[in-house]
C-alpha atoms as a PDB file:
ATOM      1  CA  MET A   1     -86.972 -34.402 -71.078  1.00  0.00           C
ATOM      2  CA  ARG A   2     -90.374 -33.240 -72.304  1.00  0.00           C
ATOM      3  CA  GLU A   3     -90.456 -31.416 -75.564  1.00  0.00           C
ATOM      4  CA  ARG A   4     -92.837 -29.936 -78.038  1.00  0.00           C
ATOM      5  CA  SER A   5     -92.067 -30.280 -81.680  1.00  0.00           C
ATOM      6  CA  GLY A   6     -93.620 -28.382 -84.508  1.00  0.00           C
ATOM      7  CA  VAL A   7     -96.118 -26.218 -82.602  1.00  0.00           C
ATOM      8  CA  THR A   8     -97.599 -23.503 -84.802  1.00  0.00           C
ATOM      9  CA  ASP A   9     -98.262 -20.126 -83.183  1.00  0.00           C
ATOM     10  CA  PRO A  10    -100.998 -17.633 -84.238  1.00  0.00           C
ATOM     11  CA  ALA A  11     -98.530 -15.772 -86.484  1.00  0.00           C
ATOM     12  CA  GLY A  12     -98.012 -18.919 -88.588  1.00  0.00           C
ATOM     13  CA  ARG A  13     -94.517 -19.678 -87.304  1.00  0.00           C
ATOM     14  CA  THR A  14     -93.590 -23.254 -86.434  1.00  0.00           C
ATOM     15  CA  ILE A  15     -91.713 -23.553 -83.150  1.00  0.00           C
ATOM     16  CA  TYR A  16     -89.486 -26.493 -82.257  1.00  0.00           C
ATOM     17  CA  ARG A  17     -88.498 -26.367 -78.597  1.00  0.00           C
ATOM     18  CA  SER A  18     -87.385 -28.373 -75.662  1.00  0.00           C
ATOM     19  CA  ILE A  19     -89.405 -27.647 -72.525  1.00  0.00           C
ATOM     20  CA  GLY A  20     -87.347 -27.072 -69.401  1.00  0.00           C
ATOM     21  CA  GLN A  21     -84.072 -28.338 -70.803  1.00  0.00           C
ATOM     22  CA  PRO A  22     -81.999 -25.128 -70.750  1.00  0.00           C
ATOM     23  CA  TYR A  23     -82.964 -24.352 -67.184  1.00  0.00           C
ATOM     24  CA  LEU A  24     -82.241 -27.887 -65.976  1.00  0.00           C
ATOM     25  CA  TRP A  25     -78.826 -27.728 -67.608  1.00  0.00           C
ATOM     26  CA  LEU A  26     -78.235 -24.326 -66.076  1.00  0.00           C
ATOM     27  CA  ALA A  27     -79.052 -25.626 -62.582  1.00  0.00           C
ATOM     28  CA  PHE A  28     -76.887 -28.701 -63.143  1.00  0.00           C
ATOM     29  CA  TRP A  29     -73.890 -26.646 -64.285  1.00  0.00           C
ATOM     30  CA  VAL A  30     -74.232 -24.243 -61.355  1.00  0.00           C
ATOM     31  CA  VAL A  31     -73.735 -27.201 -59.022  1.00  0.00           C
ATOM     32  CA  VAL A  32     -70.926 -28.784 -61.055  1.00  0.00           C
ATOM     33  CA  SER A  33     -69.146 -25.442 -61.563  1.00  0.00           C
ATOM     34  CA  SER A  34     -69.298 -24.681 -57.861  1.00  0.00           C
ATOM     35  CA  PHE A  35     -67.756 -28.070 -57.112  1.00  0.00           C
ATOM     36  CA  LEU A  36     -64.998 -27.602 -59.720  1.00  0.00           C
ATOM     37  CA  VAL A  37     -64.144 -24.138 -58.452  1.00  0.00           C
ATOM     38  CA  LEU A  38     -63.933 -25.395 -54.853  1.00  0.00           C
ATOM     39  CA  VAL A  39     -61.680 -28.271 -55.901  1.00  0.00           C
ATOM     40  CA  ALA A  40     -59.496 -25.919 -57.947  1.00  0.00           C
ATOM     41  CA  LEU A  41     -59.135 -23.455 -55.068  1.00  0.00           C
ATOM     42  CA  ARG A  42     -58.025 -26.233 -52.714  1.00  0.00           C
ATOM     43  CA  SER A  43     -55.481 -27.563 -55.195  1.00  0.00           C
ATOM     44  CA  ASP A  44     -51.827 -26.569 -54.966  1.00  0.00           C
ATOM     45  CA  SER A  45     -51.362 -27.139 -58.687  1.00  0.00           C
ATOM     46  CA  LEU A  46     -51.617 -24.156 -60.994  1.00  0.00           C
ATOM     47  CA  ALA A  47     -52.416 -26.495 -63.896  1.00  0.00           C
ATOM     48  CA  ALA A  48     -55.400 -27.938 -61.978  1.00  0.00           C
ATOM     49  CA  ARG A  49     -56.699 -24.453 -61.266  1.00  0.00           C
ATOM     50  CA  ILE A  50     -56.344 -23.337 -64.867  1.00  0.00           C
ATOM     51  CA  GLY A  51     -57.892 -26.585 -66.122  1.00  0.00           C
ATOM     52  CA  ALA A  52     -60.895 -26.268 -63.806  1.00  0.00           C
ATOM     53  CA  ILE A  53     -61.449 -22.641 -64.821  1.00  0.00           C
ATOM     54  CA  ALA A  54     -61.189 -23.570 -68.524  1.00  0.00           C
ATOM     55  CA  ILE A  55     -63.747 -26.361 -68.108  1.00  0.00           C
ATOM     56  CA  VAL A  56     -66.128 -24.066 -66.224  1.00  0.00           C
ATOM     57  CA  CYS A  57     -65.808 -21.345 -68.889  1.00  0.00           C
ATOM     58  CA  PHE A  58     -66.448 -23.800 -71.749  1.00  0.00           C
ATOM     59  CA  VAL A  59     -69.462 -25.328 -70.015  1.00  0.00           C
ATOM     60  CA  TRP A  60     -70.989 -21.932 -69.238  1.00  0.00           C
ATOM     61  CA  TYR A  61     -70.398 -20.707 -72.789  1.00  0.00           C
ATOM     62  CA  SER A  62     -71.939 -23.870 -74.196  1.00  0.00           C
ATOM     63  CA  THR A  63     -74.975 -23.738 -71.896  1.00  0.00           C
ATOM     64  CA  LEU A  64     -75.690 -20.016 -72.167  1.00  0.00           C
ATOM     65  CA  VAL A  65     -74.676 -19.166 -75.729  1.00  0.00           C
ATOM     66  CA  ARG A  66     -73.966 -22.123 -78.026  1.00  0.00           C
ATOM     67  CA  ASP A  67     -76.690 -24.722 -77.400  1.00  0.00           C
ATOM     68  CA  CYS A  68     -80.066 -23.765 -78.842  1.00  0.00           C
ATOM     69  CA  TYR A  69     -83.210 -24.903 -77.104  1.00  0.00           C
ATOM     70  CA  GLU A  70     -85.701 -23.372 -79.523  1.00  0.00           C
ATOM     71  CA  VAL A  71     -85.911 -22.995 -83.295  1.00  0.00           C
ATOM     72  CA  THR A  72     -88.591 -20.936 -85.018  1.00  0.00           C
ATOM     73  CA  LEU A  73     -89.389 -21.378 -88.703  1.00  0.00           C
ATOM     74  CA  ASP A  74     -91.650 -18.754 -90.249  1.00  0.00           C
ATOM     75  CA  SER A  75     -93.787 -19.077 -93.366  1.00  0.00           C
ATOM     76  CA  GLU A  76     -91.199 -17.284 -95.568  1.00  0.00           C
ATOM     77  CA  GLY A  77     -88.435 -19.723 -94.575  1.00  0.00           C
ATOM     78  CA  GLY A  78     -86.810 -17.554 -91.916  1.00  0.00           C
ATOM     79  CA  LEU A  79     -85.070 -19.472 -89.120  1.00  0.00           C
ATOM     80  CA  GLU A  80     -84.353 -18.194 -85.629  1.00  0.00           C
ATOM     81  CA  PHE A  81     -82.133 -20.250 -83.314  1.00  0.00           C
ATOM     82  CA  ARG A  82     -82.514 -19.309 -79.648  1.00  0.00           C
ATOM     83  CA  SER A  83     -80.183 -20.073 -76.762  1.00  0.00           C
ATOM     84  CA  LEU A  84     -80.419 -18.647 -73.264  1.00  0.00           C
ATOM     85  CA  LEU A  85     -78.420 -15.497 -74.097  1.00  0.00           C
ATOM     86  CA  ARG A  86     -78.439 -15.241 -77.884  1.00  0.00           C
ATOM     87  CA  ARG A  87     -80.646 -15.412 -80.955  1.00  0.00           C
ATOM     88  CA  LYS A  88     -79.293 -16.165 -84.411  1.00  0.00           C
ATOM     89  CA  ARG A  89     -81.346 -15.462 -87.514  1.00  0.00           C
ATOM     90  CA  THR A  90     -80.964 -16.881 -90.990  1.00  0.00           C
ATOM     91  CA  THR A  91     -83.113 -18.422 -93.712  1.00  0.00           C
ATOM     92  CA  ALA A  92     -83.680 -22.035 -94.751  1.00  0.00           C
ATOM     93  CA  GLN A  93     -82.158 -21.124 -98.129  1.00  0.00           C
ATOM     94  CA  ALA A  94     -78.902 -20.187 -96.370  1.00  0.00           C
ATOM     95  CA  VAL A  95     -78.576 -23.608 -94.665  1.00  0.00           C
ATOM     96  CA  THR A  96     -75.711 -25.522 -96.278  1.00  0.00           C
ATOM     97  CA  ALA A  97     -75.338 -28.670 -94.147  1.00  0.00           C
ATOM     98  CA  ILE A  98     -76.904 -30.597 -91.297  1.00  0.00           C
ATOM     99  CA  THR A  99     -74.732 -32.979 -89.294  1.00  0.00           C
ATOM    100  CA  PHE A 100     -75.539 -35.347 -86.462  1.00  0.00           C
ATOM    101  CA  ASP A 101     -73.067 -35.992 -83.648  1.00  0.00           C
ATOM    102  CA  LEU A 102     -73.290 -38.941 -81.290  1.00  0.00           C
ATOM    103  CA  PHE A 103     -70.950 -38.467 -78.374  1.00  0.00           C
ATOM    104  CA  SER A 104     -69.345 -41.295 -76.444  1.00  0.00           C
ATOM    105  CA  ASP A 105     -71.563 -40.630 -73.428  1.00  0.00           C
ATOM    106  CA  GLY A 106     -74.727 -41.120 -75.497  1.00  0.00           C
ATOM    107  CA  TRP A 107     -75.687 -37.450 -75.884  1.00  0.00           C
ATOM    108  CA  ARG A 108     -76.725 -36.447 -79.349  1.00  0.00           C
ATOM    109  CA  SER A 109     -76.670 -33.098 -81.032  1.00  0.00           C
ATOM    110  CA  LEU A 110     -77.565 -31.749 -84.413  1.00  0.00           C
ATOM    111  CA  SER A 111     -75.479 -29.056 -86.028  1.00  0.00           C
ATOM    112  CA  VAL A 112     -77.118 -26.792 -88.604  1.00  0.00           C
ATOM    113  CA  LYS A 113     -74.511 -24.972 -90.682  1.00  0.00           C
ATOM    114  CA  TYR A 114     -75.568 -21.932 -92.641  1.00  0.00           C
ATOM    115  CA  GLU A 115     -73.881 -19.075 -94.457  1.00  0.00           C
ATOM    116  CA  GLY A 116     -72.281 -16.994 -91.724  1.00  0.00           C
ATOM    117  CA  GLY A 117     -72.520 -19.433 -88.805  1.00  0.00           C
ATOM    118  CA  SER A 118     -73.905 -22.569 -87.268  1.00  0.00           C
ATOM    119  CA  ALA A 119     -76.280 -23.634 -84.524  1.00  0.00           C
ATOM    120  CA  THR A 120     -76.168 -26.652 -82.203  1.00  0.00           C
ATOM    121  CA  LEU A 121     -79.442 -28.301 -81.229  1.00  0.00           C
ATOM    122  CA  SER A 122     -79.600 -30.819 -78.430  1.00  0.00           C
ATOM    123  CA  PHE A 123     -83.289 -31.705 -78.216  1.00  0.00           C
ATOM    124  CA  ALA A 124     -84.428 -35.114 -79.406  1.00  0.00           C
ATOM    125  CA  ARG A 125     -87.218 -34.518 -81.978  1.00  0.00           C
ATOM    126  CA  ARG A 126     -85.247 -32.950 -84.752  1.00  0.00           C
ATOM    127  CA  ARG A 127     -86.645 -34.922 -87.688  1.00  0.00           C
ATOM    128  CA  ASP A 128     -89.588 -32.562 -88.111  1.00  0.00           C
ATOM    129  CA  LEU A 129     -87.217 -29.602 -88.245  1.00  0.00           C
ATOM    130  CA  VAL A 130     -84.861 -31.340 -90.700  1.00  0.00           C
ATOM    131  CA  GLY A 131     -87.848 -32.198 -92.894  1.00  0.00           C
ATOM    132  CA  ALA A 132     -89.120 -28.633 -92.850  1.00  0.00           C
ATOM    133  CA  ILE A 133     -85.686 -27.282 -93.802  1.00  0.00           C
ATOM    134  CA  LEU A 134     -85.328 -29.872 -96.588  1.00  0.00           C
ATOM    135  CA  LYS A 135     -88.719 -28.942 -98.026  1.00  0.00           C
ATOM    136  CA  LEU A 136     -87.601 -25.320 -98.286  1.00  0.00           C
ATOM    137  CA  ASN A 137     -84.033 -26.098 -99.358  1.00  0.00           C
ATOM    138  CA  PRO A 138     -83.519 -29.552-100.910  1.00  0.00           C
ATOM    139  CA  ASP A 139     -79.841 -28.749-101.621  1.00  0.00           C
ATOM    140  CA  VAL A 140     -78.880 -29.058 -97.935  1.00  0.00           C
ATOM    141  CA  GLU A 141     -76.045 -31.537 -97.461  1.00  0.00           C
ATOM    142  CA  LEU A 142     -76.939 -34.212 -94.898  1.00  0.00           C
ATOM    143  CA  ASP A 143     -74.393 -36.412 -93.175  1.00  0.00           C
ATOM    144  CA  PRO A 144     -75.007 -40.181 -93.519  1.00  0.00           C
ATOM    145  CA  VAL A 145     -76.705 -40.541 -90.111  1.00  0.00           C
ATOM    146  CA  CYS A 146     -79.168 -37.716 -90.862  1.00  0.00           C
ATOM    147  CA  ARG A 147     -79.801 -39.072 -94.343  1.00  0.00           C
ATOM    148  CA  ARG A 148     -80.617 -42.579 -93.018  1.00  0.00           C
ATOM    149  CA  ALA A 149     -82.933 -41.207 -90.316  1.00  0.00           C
ATOM    150  CA  TRP A 150     -84.692 -38.958 -92.822  1.00  0.00           C
ATOM    151  CA  GLN A 151     -85.124 -41.791 -95.368  1.00  0.00           C
ATOM    152  CA  ARG A 152     -86.462 -44.071 -92.612  1.00  0.00           C
ATOM    153  CA  GLN A 153     -89.014 -41.417 -91.654  1.00  0.00           C
ATOM    154  CA  LEU A 154     -90.086 -41.005 -95.292  1.00  0.00           C
ATOM    155  CA  ARG A 155     -90.594 -44.763 -95.657  1.00  0.00           C
ATOM    156  CA  HIS A 156     -92.796 -44.866 -92.551  1.00  0.00           C
ATOM    157  CA  ALA A 157     -94.781 -41.785 -93.637  1.00  0.00           C
ATOM    158  CA  ARG A 158     -95.865 -43.256 -96.971  1.00  0.00           C
ATOM    159  CA  PRO A 159     -99.416 -44.708 -97.077  1.00  0.00           C
END
Protein backbone atom coordinates (compact mmCIF):
# COMPACT_ATOMS: atom_id res chain seq x y z
CA MET A 1 0.00 0.00 0.00
CA ARG A 2 1.47 3.36 -0.99
CA GLU A 3 1.33 6.08 1.56
CA ARG A 4 2.44 9.60 2.16
CA SER A 5 3.58 10.55 5.59
CA GLY A 6 4.05 14.01 6.94
CA VAL A 7 3.14 16.08 3.87
CA THR A 8 2.73 19.76 4.72
CA ASP A 9 -0.01 21.67 2.89
CA PRO A 10 0.04 25.43 2.09
CA ALA A 11 -1.93 26.20 5.28
CA GLY A 12 0.89 24.75 7.41
CA ARG A 13 -0.95 21.58 8.40
CA THR A 14 0.89 18.26 8.35
CA ILE A 15 -1.12 15.46 6.75
CA TYR A 16 -0.49 11.78 7.41
CA ARG A 17 -2.45 9.63 4.98
CA SER A 18 -2.63 6.31 3.29
CA ILE A 19 -3.17 6.59 -0.46
CA GLY A 20 -5.87 4.33 -1.85
CA GLN A 21 -6.25 2.17 1.22
CA PRO A 22 -9.83 3.03 2.25
CA TYR A 23 -11.15 2.52 -1.24
CA LEU A 24 -9.35 -0.80 -1.69
CA TRP A 25 -10.79 -2.00 1.60
CA LEU A 26 -14.21 -0.79 0.57
CA ALA A 27 -14.04 -2.73 -2.71
CA PHE A 28 -12.75 -5.82 -0.90
CA TRP A 29 -15.55 -5.73 1.69
CA VAL A 30 -18.21 -5.25 -0.99
CA VAL A 31 -17.11 -8.56 -2.51
CA VAL A 32 -16.77 -10.38 0.83
CA SER A 33 -20.08 -9.00 2.14
CA SER A 34 -21.89 -10.06 -1.00
CA PHE A 35 -20.49 -13.57 -0.60
CA LEU A 36 -21.44 -13.74 3.10
CA VAL A 37 -24.96 -12.52 2.43
CA LEU A 38 -25.44 -15.10 -0.35
CA VAL A 39 -24.17 -17.88 1.91
CA ALA A 40 -26.41 -16.71 4.75
CA LEU A 41 -29.49 -16.58 2.52
CA ARG A 42 -28.88 -20.15 1.33
CA SER A 43 -28.42 -21.44 4.87
CA ASP A 44 -31.28 -23.07 6.75
CA SER A 45 -29.78 -22.05 10.08
CA LEU A 46 -31.03 -18.88 11.71
CA ALA A 47 -27.80 -18.65 13.70
CA ALA A 48 -25.74 -18.68 10.47
CA ARG A 49 -27.88 -15.92 9.02
CA ILE A 50 -27.61 -13.77 12.13
CA GLY A 51 -23.87 -14.43 12.38
CA ALA A 52 -23.26 -13.47 8.75
CA ILE A 53 -25.30 -10.27 9.13
CA ALA A 54 -23.42 -9.38 12.34
CA ILE A 55 -20.05 -9.89 10.63
CA VAL A 56 -21.11 -7.79 7.64
CA CYS A 57 -22.37 -4.98 9.90
CA PHE A 58 -19.15 -4.94 11.96
CA VAL A 59 -16.95 -4.93 8.87
CA TRP A 60 -18.91 -2.11 7.23
CA TYR A 61 -18.88 -0.06 10.43
CA SER A 62 -15.15 -0.60 10.81
CA THR A 63 -14.38 0.27 7.18
CA LEU A 64 -16.66 3.29 6.86
CA VAL A 65 -16.58 4.85 10.32
CA ARG A 66 -13.94 3.49 12.71
CA ASP A 67 -10.70 3.12 10.73
CA CYS A 68 -9.02 6.42 9.93
CA TYR A 69 -7.03 6.76 6.75
CA GLU A 70 -5.92 10.36 7.24
CA VAL A 71 -4.72 12.43 10.19
CA THR A 72 -4.15 16.17 9.98
CA LEU A 73 -2.04 18.01 12.55
CA ASP A 74 -2.19 21.80 12.42
CA SER A 75 0.37 24.27 13.75
CA GLU A 76 -1.62 24.90 16.97
CA GLY A 77 -1.70 21.18 17.84
CA GLY A 78 -5.19 20.45 16.52
CA LEU A 79 -5.73 16.88 15.30
CA GLU A 80 -8.34 15.73 12.82
CA PHE A 81 -8.88 12.00 12.27
CA ARG A 82 -10.69 11.20 9.02
CA SER A 83 -12.46 8.00 8.03
CA LEU A 84 -14.65 7.52 4.98
CA LEU A 85 -17.82 8.79 6.70
CA ARG A 86 -16.64 10.67 9.78
CA ARG A 87 -14.17 13.26 11.02
CA LYS A 88 -13.12 13.50 14.65
CA ARG A 89 -11.39 16.59 15.99
CA THR A 90 -9.29 16.99 19.10
CA THR A 91 -5.96 18.47 20.14
CA ALA A 92 -2.57 16.88 20.80
CA GLN A 93 -2.88 18.10 24.40
CA ALA A 94 -6.03 15.98 24.80
CA VAL A 95 -4.27 12.75 23.72
CA THR A 96 -3.86 10.49 26.75
CA ALA A 97 -2.48 7.22 25.34
CA ILE A 98 -1.20 5.60 22.18
CA THR A 99 -1.35 1.82 21.88
CA PHE A 100 -0.15 -0.54 19.18
CA ASP A 101 -2.06 -3.72 18.33
CA LEU A 102 -0.58 -6.60 16.38
CA PHE A 103 -3.29 -9.00 15.32
CA SER A 104 -2.76 -12.70 14.77
CA ASP A 105 -3.11 -12.29 11.00
CA GLY A 106 -0.23 -9.79 10.89
CA TRP A 107 -2.30 -6.61 10.53
CA ARG A 108 -1.22 -3.76 12.73
CA SER A 109 -3.15 -0.82 14.01
CA LEU A 110 -2.44 2.13 16.21
CA SER A 111 -5.04 3.40 18.63
CA VAL A 112 -4.89 7.04 19.72
CA LYS A 113 -6.96 7.62 22.85
CA TYR A 114 -7.93 11.15 23.73
CA GLU A 115 -10.36 12.86 26.08
CA GLY A 116 -13.79 12.05 24.69
CA GLY A 117 -12.88 9.26 22.26
CA SER A 118 -10.32 7.32 20.32
CA ALA A 119 -9.18 6.80 16.75
CA THR A 120 -7.83 3.68 15.02
CA LEU A 121 -5.11 4.11 12.41
CA SER A 122 -4.15 1.28 10.12
CA PHE A 123 -1.50 2.80 7.86
CA ALA A 124 2.11 1.75 8.30
CA ARG A 125 4.15 4.97 8.77
CA ARG A 126 2.87 6.08 12.12
CA ARG A 127 6.18 6.93 13.79
CA ASP A 128 6.21 10.45 12.36
CA LEU A 129 2.72 11.05 13.72
CA VAL A 130 3.59 9.59 17.14
CA GLY A 131 6.69 11.80 17.25
CA ALA A 132 4.72 14.90 16.36
CA ILE A 133 2.13 14.18 19.06
CA LEU A 134 4.87 13.50 21.64
CA LYS A 135 6.59 16.79 20.83
CA LEU A 136 3.35 18.64 21.55
CA ASN A 137 2.32 16.47 24.51
CA PRO A 138 5.18 14.57 26.20
CA ASP A 139 2.78 13.22 28.86
CA VAL A 140 1.15 10.79 26.41
CA GLU A 141 1.24 7.23 27.75
CA LEU A 142 2.82 4.84 25.23
CA ASP A 143 2.42 1.08 25.37
CA PRO A 144 5.71 -0.90 25.43
CA VAL A 145 5.70 -1.65 21.68
CA CYS A 146 5.23 2.03 20.78
CA ARG A 147 7.85 3.08 23.31
CA ARG A 148 10.45 0.64 21.89
CA ALA A 149 9.75 1.72 18.30
CA TRP A 150 9.95 5.39 19.25
CA GLN A 151 13.23 4.92 21.19
CA ARG A 152 14.69 2.97 18.25
CA GLN A 153 13.78 5.82 15.90
CA LEU A 154 15.38 8.37 18.24
CA ARG A 155 18.61 6.35 18.39
CA HIS A 156 18.80 6.20 14.59
CA ALA A 157 17.99 9.92 14.22
CA ARG A 158 20.90 11.09 16.38
CA PRO A 159 24.01 12.30 14.48
